[in-house]
Amino acid sequence: MSIGESLVVVKLDGNSARAPLVFEALEQAGLLGEVTDNELDMVDSGAVGFRVPRDQMAAVVLALECSGFTDVRAYEVRSSQIGMDK
């Protein structure tokens, strides 16, 4: 069984110009290396999403919340080998 990934979504209060601040906060916390480079995406006009290893999800969410991002959500990414059931 693999460790898996979590999808982290950070709402930016409608200001997508704040997206770089998300990654600055992770860099300052020493967690930027945990972000999967090819999975960065603007989820909508006011949010950014990225994947991290599941075992680092709590540290990433805590670092972002402590940096002033008040709407941070994390979702478990399930392997497509098994299907999409929970």
Protein backbone atom coordinates (compact mmCIF):
# COMPACT_ATOMS: atom_id res chain seq x y z
CA MET A 1 0.00 0.00 0.00
CA SER A 2 1.44 3.38 -1.00
CA ILE A 3 1.55 6.45 1.18
CA GLY A 4 -0.63 8.37 -1.29
CA GLU A 5 -1.23 12.04 -1.74
CA SER A 6 -3.47 14.79 -0.49
CA LEU A 7 -4.86 17.63 -2.55
CA VAL A 8 -4.53 20.93 -0.70
CA VAL A 9 -6.76 23.83 -1.79
CA VAL A 10 -6.12 27.36 -0.51
CA LYS A 11 -8.82 30.00 -1.02
CA LEU A 12 -7.26 33.38 -1.75
CA ASP A 13 -10.27 35.61 -1.00
CA GLY A 14 -10.75 36.30 -4.71
CA ASN A 15 -7.21 37.68 -5.07
CA SER A 16 -5.20 35.28 -7.23
CA ALA A 17 -2.20 37.64 -6.93
CA ARG A 18 -1.74 36.15 -3.42
CA ALA A 19 -0.89 32.70 -4.86
CA PRO A 20 2.90 33.22 -4.63
CA LEU A 21 2.48 33.95 -0.90
CA VAL A 22 1.20 30.39 -0.43
CA PHE A 23 4.49 28.99 -1.71
CA GLU A 24 6.55 31.55 0.23
CA ALA A 25 4.84 30.35 3.43
CA LEU A 26 5.64 26.73 2.57
CA GLU A 27 9.23 27.62 1.74
CA GLN A 28 9.67 29.42 5.08
CA ALA A 29 8.30 26.35 6.86
CA GLY A 30 10.69 24.08 4.95
CA LEU A 31 7.81 22.31 3.21
CA LEU A 32 8.03 23.62 -0.34
CA GLY A 33 9.91 20.49 -1.42
CA GLU A 34 6.84 18.43 -0.50
CA VAL A 35 4.72 20.07 -3.23
CA THR A 36 4.42 18.02 -6.40
CA ASP A 37 5.64 20.43 -9.09
CA ASN A 38 3.49 19.13 -11.93
CA GLU A 39 0.28 19.36 -9.92
CA LEU A 40 0.09 23.10 -9.26
CA ASP A 41 -3.14 24.59 -10.55
CA MET A 42 -5.45 27.53 -10.10
CA VAL A 43 -8.57 25.70 -8.94
CA ASP A 44 -10.73 28.72 -9.70
CA SER A 45 -10.12 32.44 -9.90
CA GLY A 46 -9.63 32.69 -6.16
CA ALA A 47 -7.94 29.45 -5.11
CA VAL A 48 -4.79 27.45 -5.74
CA GLY A 49 -4.49 23.69 -5.44
CA PHE A 50 -1.52 21.36 -5.25
CA ARG A 51 -0.64 17.83 -4.15
CA VAL A 52 1.54 16.83 -1.21
CA PRO A 53 2.40 13.45 0.31
CA ARG A 54 -0.41 12.40 2.64
CA ASP A 55 1.97 12.14 5.59
CA GLN A 56 2.91 15.84 5.18
CA MET A 57 -0.65 17.15 4.75
CA ALA A 58 -1.18 18.22 8.39
CA ALA A 59 2.14 20.10 8.49
CA VAL A 60 1.35 21.88 5.20
CA VAL A 61 -2.15 22.91 6.35
CA LEU A 62 -0.84 24.11 9.72
CA ALA A 63 1.97 26.14 8.11
CA LEU A 64 -0.49 27.85 5.76
CA GLU A 65 -3.00 28.60 8.52
CA CYS A 66 -0.24 30.01 10.73
CA SER A 67 0.76 32.25 7.80
CA GLY A 68 -2.68 33.84 7.69
CA PHE A 69 -4.49 31.71 5.11
CA THR A 70 -7.83 31.10 6.79
CA ASP A 71 -9.50 28.81 4.24
CA VAL A 72 -7.22 25.82 3.67
CA ARG A 73 -8.72 22.44 2.83
CA ALA A 74 -7.14 19.06 2.22
CA TYR A 75 -8.60 16.07 0.41
CA GLU A 76 -7.32 12.52 0.21
CA VAL A 77 -6.43 11.49 -3.34
CA ARG A 78 -7.39 7.89 -3.95
CA SER A 79 -5.51 5.63 -6.33
CA SER A 80 -7.31 5.13 -9.65
CA GLN A 81 -6.29 1.43 -9.58
CA ILE A 82 -8.97 0.59 -7.05
CA GLY A 83 -11.67 2.90 -8.35
CA MET A 84 -13.29 5.97 -6.93
CA ASP A 85 -15.14 4.37 -4.01
CA LYS A 86 -14.55 5.59 -0.51
